[in-house]
């Protein structure tokens, strides 16, 4: 999902002039600035990633304390321990605060003081009121103070035995964002904030509390990503790449300061990206190789560092198909189908989601052929697949024509057509307008092809006056294809299936099938599957229905794949 990242500046102060000896061991500082930058903060940010909180390094310095003060604090820390109740020791807090360096912050930040040692059985201590934390490089916590202190690990390298500097810092930062140790009765294993078996996990309640506190303490420049949407598939081009449009809205203050936009993929290197500015909006473009899912991070950077960031967890570059027609192009199959690959999605005009049936935007609430078709294409081509489902159950090709298109006789359902005074009929254009809008949502060249499956409601109607002659079917389908191409502004490919089956005994219309084949022969459209041949137990109600059974939906998908895949391999 898309997450508005909360960025919090962190200033690190090395307090290295404390000469501390404990149990005969001289506790010399050993952690370096490079380890803080390259190891510690990346690990802290990994731990906090589920919360959408990023800790950004503001400054690193070596703090200087007065000799007399440092000697007194060093002697105190050599004998200091937790409070009697296991909590904070007020005298320890006073001593630690006395060595916090004075700063002239241009950027409000959390301050972390890195000391050689902060007291027996302690590794870290946070003081939320001051937004300062102390972390020791040496600790005797693993032995509960019974043996000499040992160096903390920089990060965990397996099961928790002693605990690391990075995990301790992540824990103390949680305290600075209002998080407490969980009650012993409800502590969870693998918990960052405490537990019988320490770990790195945050509960949803802790995440919500930490984000609320962070936004109050460190107000964010607001960044909202409009595109790409989560799970969006961008149509790949002939070079096997896709151009992802990154757009959104930001605060006016950010615009005025002319911050730069940086983007990264899958946690890689940040790349400065040219940006076009609007009225508190921005647009940029990023070219990606076909594939996915990619995780995209977006941030604006100014003189003082990161000022706003957001991320989109799932972005793909692959193939998108628009599916239109009547019920067997929609959600009227006998069994709902589910995506197996995790890389087949559907778009309802406002959001993308995994394409588990029913498909949004199409009629019906049961099964479709799209999930198994998408999975087959993912397996063959290794890219995400998107669908835009537009099918309308029981619709005639006449109902799909543009507004005002006339024809001599009406379809069986008259809700999307009107009768004219001379006795002829015309389309109201409602289905057509929807169709054009759905195709236009993804822009010029934004999908691979239209998959058209329709004809049953024009063939062999019970009221023969509503049956459409084959030559008129060919004329109207050709009109629909050609006019839609003009209205979306590009020559979108179409696949047209042969579809005219009703029930056993009424298994197809030669007139409609010839009309559909004529559209292929005229090179108006590409040849789709012969779905009339998918019958018997592949139809619902034990083979007695017009719609597909569960196995029939999968067979229908396989027949579409047989037509699409060879063509797609040549594109």
Protein backbone atom coordinates (compact mmCIF):
# COMPACT_ATOMS: atom_id res chain seq x y z
CA UNK A 1 0.00 0.00 0.00
CA UNK A 2 0.98 3.64 -0.28
CA UNK A 3 2.41 4.96 3.00
CA UNK A 4 3.17 8.54 3.98
CA UNK A 5 6.59 8.16 5.53
CA UNK A 6 7.33 10.13 8.68
CA UNK A 7 10.89 11.47 8.64
CA UNK A 8 12.58 12.23 11.96
CA UNK A 9 16.04 13.88 12.12
CA UNK A 10 18.54 12.30 14.51
CA UNK A 11 21.70 14.00 15.82
CA UNK A 12 24.40 11.65 17.12
CA UNK A 13 26.88 12.85 19.76
CA UNK A 14 29.88 10.67 20.66
CA UNK A 15 30.84 11.31 24.29
CA UNK A 16 34.31 9.77 24.21
CA UNK A 17 36.06 11.65 27.00
CA UNK A 18 34.64 9.57 29.85
CA UNK A 19 37.43 7.39 31.26
CA UNK A 20 35.43 4.50 32.71
CA UNK A 21 36.84 1.33 34.27
CA UNK A 22 34.52 -1.44 35.41
CA UNK A 23 35.52 -4.74 37.04
CA UNK A 24 39.11 -4.02 36.06
CA UNK A 25 38.16 -3.52 32.39
CA UNK A 26 38.93 -0.19 30.70
CA UNK A 27 35.82 0.63 28.66
CA UNK A 28 37.24 2.47 25.67
CA UNK A 29 34.98 3.88 22.95
CA UNK A 30 35.06 1.75 19.80
CA UNK A 31 32.02 2.59 17.67
CA UNK A 32 32.75 4.79 14.62
CA UNK A 33 30.81 7.42 12.70
CA UNK A 34 30.97 5.19 9.63
CA UNK A 35 29.33 2.32 11.51
CA UNK A 36 26.57 4.68 12.66
CA UNK A 37 25.92 5.80 9.08
CA UNK A 38 26.38 2.53 7.23
CA UNK A 39 25.26 -0.12 9.73
CA UNK A 40 23.39 1.20 12.76
CA UNK A 41 20.88 3.60 11.17
CA UNK A 42 20.05 1.26 8.27
CA UNK A 43 19.31 -1.48 10.83
CA UNK A 44 17.22 0.88 12.96
CA UNK A 45 15.26 1.91 9.86
CA UNK A 46 14.76 -1.74 8.91
CA UNK A 47 13.24 -2.38 12.33
CA UNK A 48 10.99 0.67 12.09
CA UNK A 49 9.97 0.19 8.45
CA UNK A 50 6.59 -1.43 9.31
CA UNK A 51 5.67 1.79 11.11
CA UNK A 52 6.54 3.98 8.13
CA UNK A 53 9.01 5.96 10.25
CA UNK A 54 12.44 6.81 8.89
CA UNK A 55 15.25 8.09 11.09
CA UNK A 56 17.45 10.46 9.07
CA UNK A 57 20.94 11.35 10.23
CA UNK A 58 21.09 15.09 10.83
CA UNK A 59 24.57 15.54 12.34
CA UNK A 60 27.35 13.47 13.90
CA UNK A 61 29.84 15.06 16.26
CA UNK A 62 32.23 14.31 19.10
CA UNK A 63 30.94 16.12 22.18
CA UNK A 64 33.35 17.83 24.53
CA UNK A 65 32.65 18.00 28.25
CA UNK A 66 34.53 19.89 30.94
CA UNK A 67 37.29 17.77 32.48
CA UNK A 68 35.97 18.12 35.99
CA UNK A 69 32.44 17.24 34.89
CA UNK A 70 33.53 14.26 32.79
CA UNK A 71 35.59 12.81 35.63
CA UNK A 72 32.69 13.09 38.07
CA UNK A 73 30.22 11.53 35.68
CA UNK A 74 32.67 8.73 34.81
CA UNK A 75 33.14 7.83 38.47
CA UNK A 76 29.37 7.88 38.99
CA UNK A 77 28.66 5.64 35.96
CA UNK A 78 31.18 3.08 37.15
CA UNK A 79 28.90 2.35 40.13
CA UNK A 80 25.51 3.36 38.72
CA UNK A 81 22.64 0.94 38.25
CA UNK A 82 18.91 0.91 37.60
CA UNK A 83 16.47 2.31 40.13
CA UNK A 84 15.30 0.09 42.96
CA UNK A 85 12.12 -0.82 41.09
CA UNK A 86 14.00 -1.63 37.92
CA UNK A 87 13.05 1.71 36.41
CA UNK A 88 14.91 4.97 35.93
CA UNK A 89 17.39 6.15 38.53
CA UNK A 90 16.86 9.92 39.04
CA UNK A 91 20.49 10.47 40.00
CA UNK A 92 21.60 8.61 36.86
CA UNK A 93 19.32 10.78 34.75
CA UNK A 94 20.76 13.98 36.29
CA UNK A 95 24.33 12.86 35.61
CA UNK A 96 23.59 11.89 32.04
CA UNK A 97 21.75 15.09 31.27
CA UNK A 98 24.70 17.09 32.60
CA UNK A 99 26.85 15.96 29.67
CA UNK A 100 24.34 16.52 26.86
CA UNK A 101 26.05 18.98 24.53
CA UNK A 102 24.43 22.34 23.90
CA UNK A 103 23.31 22.66 20.28
CA UNK A 104 22.00 25.39 18.04
CA UNK A 105 19.60 23.26 16.04
CA UNK A 106 18.56 24.60 12.67
CA UNK A 107 16.49 21.46 12.40
CA UNK A 108 14.53 20.10 15.35
CA UNK A 109 15.91 16.64 15.97
CA UNK A 110 16.23 13.80 18.43
CA UNK A 111 19.59 13.71 20.18
CA UNK A 112 21.42 10.45 20.84
CA UNK A 113 24.47 10.45 23.10
CA UNK A 114 26.79 7.49 22.56
CA UNK A 115 28.74 6.74 25.75
CA UNK A 116 31.23 4.01 26.62
CA UNK A 117 28.95 2.76 29.45
CA UNK A 118 25.78 4.05 31.11
CA UNK A 119 25.47 1.90 34.23
CA UNK A 120 25.24 -1.65 35.43
CA UNK A 121 22.61 -3.86 33.65
CA UNK A 122 21.80 -0.96 31.33
CA UNK A 123 22.33 -0.58 27.59
CA UNK A 124 20.11 2.40 26.86
CA UNK A 125 18.05 5.10 28.51
CA UNK A 126 15.53 7.52 26.98
CA UNK A 127 14.27 10.82 28.38
CA UNK A 128 11.17 11.70 26.35
CA UNK A 129 10.67 15.18 27.82
CA UNK A 130 14.08 16.19 26.51
CA UNK A 131 13.91 14.03 23.34
CA UNK A 132 17.32 12.62 24.16
CA UNK A 133 18.55 9.03 24.43
CA UNK A 134 21.75 7.52 25.81
CA UNK A 135 23.21 4.26 24.50
CA UNK A 136 26.26 2.47 25.84
CA UNK A 137 28.92 0.75 23.76
CA UNK A 138 29.72 -1.66 26.60
CA UNK A 139 27.24 -3.54 28.78
CA UNK A 140 27.08 -6.06 31.60
CA UNK A 141 23.36 -6.64 31.05
CA UNK A 142 23.78 -10.20 29.67
CA UNK A 143 25.37 -11.29 32.98
CA UNK A 144 23.03 -9.09 35.05
CA UNK A 145 26.10 -7.28 36.38
CA UNK A 146 27.83 -10.41 37.67
CA UNK A 147 30.72 -10.21 35.20
CA UNK A 148 32.75 -7.48 33.53
CA UNK A 149 31.07 -5.51 30.76
CA UNK A 150 31.48 -6.68 27.17
CA UNK A 151 31.23 -4.85 23.88
CA UNK A 152 27.73 -4.63 22.45
CA UNK A 153 27.22 -6.18 19.06
CA UNK A 154 26.58 -3.61 16.34
CA UNK A 155 23.61 -5.61 15.01
CA UNK A 156 22.04 -8.97 15.81
CA UNK A 157 23.52 -11.92 13.98
CA UNK A 158 20.97 -14.53 14.98
CA UNK A 159 19.19 -15.46 18.20
CA UNK A 160 19.21 -12.86 20.96
CA UNK A 161 22.02 -13.61 23.38
CA UNK A 162 23.24 -10.21 24.44
CA UNK A 163 21.35 -7.64 22.36
CA UNK A 164 22.90 -5.15 19.95
CA UNK A 165 23.63 -1.43 19.89
CA UNK A 166 21.27 -1.03 16.92
CA UNK A 167 18.36 -2.85 18.54
CA UNK A 168 18.91 -0.90 21.78
CA UNK A 169 18.84 2.40 19.90
CA UNK A 170 15.66 1.35 18.06
CA UNK A 171 14.10 0.47 21.43
CA UNK A 172 15.04 3.80 23.05
CA UNK A 173 13.73 5.73 20.06
CA UNK A 174 10.43 3.97 20.67
CA UNK A 175 10.38 5.41 24.20
CA UNK A 176 10.97 8.89 22.76
CA UNK A 177 7.80 8.36 20.69
CA UNK A 178 5.72 7.59 23.80
CA UNK A 179 6.02 3.78 23.72
CA UNK A 180 6.31 1.98 27.05
CA UNK A 181 7.39 -1.49 28.09
CA UNK A 182 4.36 -3.78 27.67
CA UNK A 183 2.71 -5.15 30.76
CA UNK A 184 4.32 -8.45 31.64
CA UNK A 185 0.94 -10.21 31.44
CA UNK A 186 0.44 -9.26 27.78
CA UNK A 187 3.98 -9.08 26.45
CA UNK A 188 4.44 -10.62 23.05
CA UNK A 189 7.48 -12.63 21.98
CA UNK A 190 9.91 -10.94 19.59
CA UNK A 191 8.84 -7.52 20.86
CA UNK A 192 10.97 -4.43 20.31
CA UNK A 193 9.63 -2.75 23.41
CA UNK A 194 10.08 -5.72 25.75
CA UNK A 195 9.14 -9.32 26.33
CA UNK A 196 10.31 -12.69 27.48
CA UNK A 197 12.13 -13.15 24.17
CA UNK A 198 13.26 -9.73 22.90
CA UNK A 199 13.05 -8.98 19.21
CA UNK A 200 12.24 -6.26 16.72
CA UNK A 201 8.45 -6.49 16.29
CA UNK A 202 6.02 -3.63 16.85
CA UNK A 203 2.32 -4.21 17.45
CA UNK A 204 -0.23 -2.28 15.39
CA UNK A 205 -1.19 -0.36 18.52
CA UNK A 206 2.46 0.61 19.07
CA UNK A 207 2.78 1.67 15.44
CA UNK A 208 -0.31 3.87 15.71
CA UNK A 209 0.89 5.44 18.96
CA UNK A 210 4.40 6.06 17.63
CA UNK A 211 3.15 7.66 14.42
CA UNK A 212 0.75 9.89 16.33
CA UNK A 213 3.53 11.05 18.67
CA UNK A 214 5.99 11.52 15.80
CA UNK A 215 3.59 13.75 13.85
CA UNK A 216 2.98 15.85 16.95
CA UNK A 217 6.66 16.20 17.84
CA UNK A 218 8.02 16.49 14.29
CA UNK A 219 5.38 17.98 11.97
CA UNK A 220 5.85 16.75 8.42
CA UNK A 221 5.80 18.50 5.12
CA UNK A 222 2.85 16.75 3.53
CA UNK A 223 3.52 14.63 0.47
CA UNK A 224 0.68 12.73 -1.20
CA UNK A 225 1.41 10.41 -4.11
CA UNK A 226 -1.37 10.37 -6.73
CA UNK A 227 0.44 8.08 -9.17
CA UNK A 228 1.58 5.40 -9.35
CA UNK A 229 -1.12 3.70 -7.34
CA UNK A 230 -0.39 0.64 -5.25
CA UNK A 231 -0.51 -2.50 -7.45
CA UNK A 232 -0.61 -0.41 -10.62
CA UNK A 233 0.64 -2.06 -13.81
CA UNK A 234 2.20 0.26 -16.38
CA UNK A 235 2.06 -1.01 -19.95
CA UNK A 236 5.48 -2.08 -21.21
CA UNK A 237 6.67 -0.87 -24.61
CA UNK A 238 8.47 -2.64 -27.47
CA UNK A 239 11.81 -2.09 -25.72
CA UNK A 240 10.59 -4.03 -22.69
CA UNK A 241 10.37 -0.94 -20.50
CA UNK A 242 7.62 1.23 -19.08
CA UNK A 243 7.44 4.89 -18.15
CA UNK A 244 6.03 5.33 -14.66
CA UNK A 245 4.51 8.74 -13.99
CA UNK A 246 5.18 9.93 -10.45
CA UNK A 247 2.81 12.71 -9.47
CA UNK A 248 1.28 14.12 -6.37
CA UNK A 249 0.62 17.11 -4.18
CA UNK A 250 2.89 18.88 -1.71
CA UNK A 251 2.77 21.96 0.48
CA UNK A 252 3.37 25.38 -1.01
CA UNK A 253 6.33 25.95 1.31
CA UNK A 254 8.13 23.04 -0.29
CA UNK A 255 7.58 24.50 -3.74
CA UNK A 256 8.96 27.87 -2.73
CA UNK A 257 12.17 26.36 -1.42
CA UNK A 258 12.71 24.40 -4.67
CA UNK A 259 13.62 21.12 -3.08
CA UNK A 260 14.88 18.34 -5.31
CA UNK A 261 13.03 15.10 -5.99
CA UNK A 262 14.78 11.77 -5.47
CA UNK A 263 13.43 8.31 -6.27
CA UNK A 264 14.73 4.83 -5.55
CA UNK A 265 13.59 1.32 -6.41
CA UNK A 266 13.63 -1.63 -4.01
CA UNK A 267 15.79 0.13 -1.45
CA UNK A 268 18.59 0.85 -3.94
CA UNK A 269 20.43 4.08 -4.58
CA UNK A 270 18.54 7.35 -4.59
CA UNK A 271 18.44 9.06 -7.99
CA UNK A 272 17.73 12.71 -8.54
CA UNK A 273 14.77 12.99 -10.90
CA UNK A 274 13.71 16.01 -13.01
CA UNK A 275 10.35 17.36 -11.92
CA UNK A 276 7.68 19.59 -13.44
CA UNK A 277 5.95 21.87 -10.96
CA UNK A 278 2.31 22.87 -10.91
CA UNK A 279 0.20 24.69 -8.35
CA UNK A 280 1.32 22.75 -5.26
CA UNK A 281 1.65 19.67 -7.47
CA UNK A 282 4.53 17.89 -9.14
CA UNK A 283 5.03 15.39 -11.95
CA UNK A 284 8.08 13.32 -12.83
CA UNK A 285 8.77 10.23 -14.90
CA UNK A 286 10.81 7.13 -14.19
CA UNK A 287 11.66 4.44 -16.73
CA UNK A 288 11.63 0.88 -15.37
CA UNK A 289 12.43 -2.46 -16.91
CA UNK A 290 9.44 -4.77 -17.39
CA UNK A 291 8.89 -6.68 -14.16
CA UNK A 292 7.74 -6.17 -10.61
CA UNK A 293 6.52 -5.84 -8.09
CA UNK A 294 8.84 -2.89 -7.48
CA UNK A 295 8.81 -0.87 -4.26
CA UNK A 296 9.22 2.83 -5.03
CA UNK A 297 10.35 5.41 -2.48
CA UNK A 298 9.94 9.10 -3.24
CA UNK A 299 11.41 11.97 -1.27
CA UNK A 300 12.12 15.67 -1.47
CA UNK A 301 15.51 16.81 -0.25
CA UNK A 302 16.59 20.31 0.75
CA UNK A 303 19.64 21.95 2.32
CA UNK A 304 18.83 20.43 5.72
CA UNK A 305 18.12 16.95 4.41
CA UNK A 306 14.90 15.03 3.75
CA UNK A 307 11.78 17.13 4.27
CA UNK A 308 9.06 14.85 2.89
CA UNK A 309 8.82 11.26 1.73
CA UNK A 310 6.30 8.62 0.69
CA UNK A 311 6.40 5.15 -0.79
CA UNK A 312 4.36 2.82 -3.01
CA UNK A 313 4.86 -0.84 -2.21
CA UNK A 314 3.77 -2.52 -5.47
CA UNK A 315 4.42 -1.08 -8.92
CA UNK A 316 4.67 -3.26 -12.01
CA UNK A 317 5.60 -2.90 -15.66
CA UNK A 318 3.83 -5.51 -17.76
CA UNK A 319 0.72 -5.92 -19.90
CA UNK A 320 -2.78 -4.53 -19.39
CA UNK A 321 -5.89 -5.86 -21.13
CA UNK A 322 -9.32 -4.27 -21.44
CA UNK A 323 -12.07 -6.91 -21.35
CA UNK A 324 -15.49 -6.05 -22.75
CA UNK A 325 -18.63 -7.69 -24.11
CA UNK A 326 -21.43 -9.47 -22.31
CA UNK A 327 -21.78 -11.88 -19.40
CA UNK A 328 -19.02 -14.34 -20.32
CA UNK A 329 -16.60 -11.38 -20.38
CA UNK A 330 -17.80 -10.36 -16.92
CA UNK A 331 -18.55 -12.03 -13.55
CA UNK A 332 -21.24 -14.59 -14.36
CA UNK A 333 -19.24 -17.83 -14.22
CA UNK A 334 -20.30 -20.54 -11.81
CA UNK A 335 -17.20 -20.37 -9.54
CA UNK A 336 -15.15 -17.40 -8.46
CA UNK A 337 -11.51 -17.68 -9.50
CA UNK A 338 -8.50 -16.48 -7.49
CA UNK A 339 -5.07 -15.24 -8.50
CA UNK A 340 -2.33 -17.78 -7.78
CA UNK A 341 0.76 -15.85 -8.86
CA UNK A 342 0.18 -12.70 -6.80
CA UNK A 343 0.90 -10.68 -9.95
CA UNK A 344 -2.50 -10.35 -11.63
CA UNK A 345 -4.45 -7.19 -10.81
CA UNK A 346 -7.54 -5.33 -11.88
CA UNK A 347 -8.41 -1.62 -12.11
CA UNK A 348 -11.80 -0.18 -11.25
CA UNK A 349 -11.07 3.37 -12.40
CA UNK A 350 -9.74 4.58 -9.06
CA UNK A 351 -7.70 1.78 -7.53
CA UNK A 352 -5.77 -1.35 -8.49
CA UNK A 353 -6.18 -4.58 -6.56
CA UNK A 354 -5.44 -8.28 -6.89
CA UNK A 355 -7.78 -9.69 -9.53
CA UNK A 356 -9.66 -12.15 -7.35
CA UNK A 357 -13.24 -12.50 -8.59
CA UNK A 358 -15.54 -10.71 -8.93
CA UNK A 359 -13.81 -8.19 -11.18
CA UNK A 360 -14.72 -4.57 -10.34
CA UNK A 361 -16.28 -2.60 -13.18
CA UNK A 362 -18.02 -5.58 -14.81
CA UNK A 363 -21.49 -6.94 -14.14
CA UNK A 364 -22.19 -9.96 -11.96
CA UNK A 365 -20.70 -11.09 -8.67
CA UNK A 366 -19.35 -14.55 -9.45
CA UNK A 367 -16.53 -15.94 -11.60
CA UNK A 368 -14.53 -14.79 -14.61
CA UNK A 369 -11.74 -16.13 -16.84
CA UNK A 370 -9.36 -13.27 -15.94
CA UNK A 371 -7.50 -14.68 -12.90
CA UNK A 372 -6.42 -17.93 -14.66
CA UNK A 373 -5.62 -16.09 -17.90
CA UNK A 374 -3.50 -13.58 -16.00
CA UNK A 375 -1.66 -16.33 -14.12
CA UNK A 376 -0.87 -18.12 -17.38
CA UNK A 377 0.51 -14.91 -18.92
CA UNK A 378 2.58 -14.19 -15.81
CA UNK A 379 4.07 -17.69 -16.00
CA UNK A 380 4.87 -17.29 -19.71
CA UNK A 381 6.19 -13.73 -19.79
CA UNK A 382 7.34 -13.06 -16.24
CA UNK A 383 5.65 -9.66 -15.90
CA UNK A 384 2.61 -8.47 -13.94
CA UNK A 385 -0.72 -8.53 -15.76
CA UNK A 386 -3.54 -6.01 -15.33
CA UNK A 387 -7.18 -6.14 -16.38
CA UNK A 388 -9.78 -3.43 -16.91
CA UNK A 389 -13.09 -5.28 -16.83
CA UNK A 390 -16.02 -3.58 -18.58
CA UNK A 391 -18.38 -6.42 -19.53
CA UNK A 392 -22.17 -6.00 -19.24
CA UNK A 393 -24.33 -9.09 -18.93
CA UNK A 394 -26.88 -9.76 -21.74
CA UNK A 395 -25.73 -6.74 -23.75
CA UNK A 396 -26.05 -6.52 -27.54
CA UNK A 397 -23.38 -4.96 -29.74
CA UNK A 398 -26.07 -2.38 -30.50
CA UNK A 399 -25.98 -1.18 -26.89
CA UNK A 400 -22.20 -0.61 -27.11
CA UNK A 401 -22.44 1.81 -30.04
CA UNK A 402 -21.82 5.56 -29.62
CA UNK A 403 -24.75 7.79 -28.71
CA UNK A 404 -27.07 8.33 -31.67
CA UNK A 405 -25.94 5.30 -33.67
CA UNK A 406 -29.04 3.89 -35.37
CA UNK A 407 -30.19 0.38 -36.24
CA UNK A 408 -33.44 -1.12 -37.60
CA UNK A 409 -34.46 -3.44 -34.77
CA UNK A 410 -33.96 -3.37 -30.99
CA UNK A 411 -32.04 -5.78 -28.78
CA UNK A 412 -33.86 -7.92 -26.24
CA UNK A 413 -33.04 -5.45 -23.44
CA UNK A 414 -34.08 -1.89 -24.29
CA UNK A 415 -32.74 0.06 -21.29
CA UNK A 416 -29.67 1.34 -23.17
CA UNK A 417 -31.44 2.11 -26.46
CA UNK A 418 -34.32 4.36 -27.52
CA UNK A 419 -36.97 4.16 -30.24
CA UNK A 420 -37.11 6.95 -32.82
CA UNK A 421 -40.28 8.41 -34.34
CA UNK A 422 -39.65 6.68 -37.68
CA UNK A 423 -39.65 3.28 -35.96
CA UNK A 424 -35.90 2.77 -36.03
CA UNK A 425 -33.75 2.60 -32.89
CA UNK A 426 -30.62 4.27 -31.59
CA UNK A 427 -28.08 3.69 -28.85
CA UNK A 428 -28.09 5.98 -25.81
CA UNK A 429 -24.30 5.64 -25.77
CA UNK A 430 -24.11 4.82 -22.05
CA UNK A 431 -22.06 1.65 -22.44
CA UNK A 432 -19.84 3.33 -25.04
CA UNK A 433 -19.13 6.34 -22.82
CA UNK A 434 -18.21 4.04 -19.94
CA UNK A 435 -16.00 1.99 -22.24
CA UNK A 436 -14.12 5.02 -23.58
CA UNK A 437 -13.70 6.41 -20.07
CA UNK A 438 -12.25 3.16 -18.74
CA UNK A 439 -9.79 2.88 -21.62
CA UNK A 440 -8.81 6.53 -21.30
CA UNK A 441 -8.07 6.13 -17.57
CA UNK A 442 -4.71 4.53 -18.42
CA UNK A 443 -3.79 7.00 -21.15
CA UNK A 444 -2.52 6.70 -24.69
CA UNK A 445 -0.88 3.32 -25.33
CA UNK A 446 -1.76 2.46 -21.73
CA UNK A 447 -2.95 -1.09 -22.43
CA UNK A 448 -1.92 -3.95 -24.69
CA UNK A 449 -5.26 -4.93 -26.30
CA UNK A 450 -9.03 -5.14 -25.97
CA UNK A 451 -10.45 -8.65 -25.48
CA UNK A 452 -13.99 -8.66 -26.90
CA UNK A 453 -16.33 -11.53 -26.04
CA UNK A 454 -19.91 -10.85 -27.13
CA UNK A 455 -22.53 -12.07 -29.59
CA UNK A 456 -24.93 -14.28 -27.66
CA UNK A 457 -27.48 -11.47 -27.22
CA UNK A 458 -27.49 -10.77 -30.97
CA UNK A 459 -27.81 -14.41 -32.05
CA UNK A 460 -30.93 -16.57 -32.23
CA UNK A 461 -33.16 -14.49 -29.93
CA UNK A 462 -36.44 -16.04 -28.75
CA UNK A 463 -38.19 -13.03 -30.28
CA UNK A 464 -36.74 -13.26 -33.78
CA UNK A 465 -37.46 -9.57 -34.40
CA UNK A 466 -34.64 -8.82 -31.97
CA UNK A 467 -32.04 -11.06 -33.61
CA UNK A 468 -29.33 -9.10 -35.40
CA UNK A 469 -28.39 -10.07 -38.95
CA UNK A 470 -24.77 -11.10 -39.39
CA UNK A 471 -23.94 -8.37 -41.90
CA UNK A 472 -25.22 -5.75 -39.43
CA UNK A 473 -23.28 -7.34 -36.57
CA UNK A 474 -20.09 -7.04 -38.65
CA UNK A 475 -20.95 -3.41 -39.52
CA UNK A 476 -21.69 -2.38 -35.94
CA UNK A 477 -18.69 -4.15 -34.40
CA UNK A 478 -16.43 -2.56 -37.01
CA UNK A 479 -17.98 0.83 -36.22
CA UNK A 480 -17.42 0.29 -32.49
CA UNK A 481 -13.78 -0.66 -32.95
CA UNK A 482 -12.91 2.13 -35.35
CA UNK A 483 -14.76 4.90 -33.51
CA UNK A 484 -13.32 3.87 -30.15
CA UNK A 485 -9.81 4.06 -31.59
CA UNK A 486 -10.48 7.61 -32.74
CA UNK A 487 -11.91 8.63 -29.40
CA UNK A 488 -9.04 7.26 -27.30
CA UNK A 489 -6.49 8.70 -29.71
CA UNK A 490 -4.55 5.61 -30.72
CA UNK A 491 -4.90 2.40 -32.72
CA UNK A 492 -5.55 -0.06 -29.90
CA UNK A 493 -5.40 -3.74 -30.95
CA UNK A 494 -8.57 -5.81 -30.51
CA UNK A 495 -9.08 -9.55 -30.18
CA UNK A 496 -12.60 -10.73 -31.11
CA UNK A 497 -13.83 -14.11 -29.90
CA UNK A 498 -16.42 -16.26 -31.64
CA UNK A 499 -19.30 -16.20 -29.18
CA UNK A 500 -22.92 -17.12 -29.95
CA UNK A 501 -23.63 -20.21 -27.77
CA UNK A 502 -26.81 -20.36 -25.69
CA UNK A 503 -27.65 -23.86 -24.41
CA UNK A 504 -27.47 -27.44 -25.65
CA UNK A 505 -29.48 -27.55 -28.87
CA UNK A 506 -28.80 -23.86 -29.53
CA UNK A 507 -25.04 -24.04 -29.70
CA UNK A 508 -24.15 -21.21 -32.02
CA UNK A 509 -25.19 -18.92 -34.86
CA UNK A 510 -23.35 -19.40 -38.13
CA UNK A 511 -24.47 -15.91 -39.15
CA UNK A 512 -22.89 -14.21 -36.09
CA UNK A 513 -19.81 -16.44 -36.18
CA UNK A 514 -19.16 -15.53 -39.82
CA UNK A 515 -19.57 -11.86 -38.94
CA UNK A 516 -16.99 -12.15 -36.17
CA UNK A 517 -14.60 -14.01 -38.49
CA UNK A 518 -15.11 -11.33 -41.16
CA UNK A 519 -13.78 -8.71 -38.75
CA UNK A 520 -10.56 -10.74 -38.49
CA UNK A 521 -10.33 -11.20 -42.26
CA UNK A 522 -10.76 -7.46 -42.80
CA UNK A 523 -7.84 -6.92 -40.39
CA UNK A 524 -10.03 -4.82 -38.13
CA UNK A 525 -9.30 -7.15 -35.21
CA UNK A 526 -7.20 -10.16 -34.27
CA UNK A 527 -8.62 -13.67 -33.97
CA UNK A 528 -9.85 -14.56 -30.51
CA UNK A 529 -10.86 -18.01 -29.24
CA UNK A 530 -13.78 -20.07 -30.44
CA UNK A 531 -15.64 -20.12 -27.13
CA UNK A 532 -18.71 -21.76 -28.70
CA UNK A 533 -16.65 -24.96 -28.65
CA UNK A 534 -16.30 -24.77 -24.87
CA UNK A 535 -19.43 -26.69 -23.89
CA UNK A 536 -20.68 -29.77 -22.08
CA UNK A 537 -19.56 -29.77 -18.45
CA UNK A 538 -17.57 -26.63 -19.17
CA UNK A 539 -20.94 -24.83 -18.97
CA UNK A 540 -22.79 -24.10 -15.73
CA UNK A 541 -25.77 -25.96 -14.27
CA UNK A 542 -24.25 -29.31 -15.18
CA UNK A 543 -23.74 -28.34 -18.80
CA UNK A 544 -27.23 -26.90 -19.31
CA UNK A 545 -26.40 -23.19 -18.97
CA UNK A 546 -25.00 -20.38 -21.10
CA UNK A 547 -22.28 -19.39 -18.63
CA UNK A 548 -19.10 -21.25 -17.79
CA UNK A 549 -18.58 -23.66 -14.90
CA UNK A 550 -15.39 -23.45 -12.80
CA UNK A 551 -13.48 -25.82 -15.12
CA UNK A 552 -15.09 -23.97 -18.04
CA UNK A 553 -13.69 -20.62 -16.88
CA UNK A 554 -10.22 -22.13 -16.73
CA UNK A 555 -10.68 -23.70 -20.17
CA UNK A 556 -11.94 -20.38 -21.51
CA UNK A 557 -8.81 -18.71 -20.09
CA UNK A 558 -6.59 -21.35 -21.72
CA UNK A 559 -8.19 -20.69 -25.10
CA UNK A 560 -7.63 -16.96 -24.76
CA UNK A 561 -4.01 -17.68 -23.82
CA UNK A 562 -3.55 -19.79 -26.98
CA UNK A 563 -4.51 -16.75 -29.08
CA UNK A 564 -2.82 -14.00 -27.10
CA UNK A 565 0.54 -15.54 -26.15
CA UNK A 566 1.99 -16.12 -29.67
CA UNK A 567 1.01 -12.61 -30.71
CA UNK A 568 2.33 -11.09 -27.49
CA UNK A 569 5.68 -12.83 -27.90
CA UNK A 570 6.20 -10.92 -31.16
CA UNK A 571 5.44 -7.48 -29.75
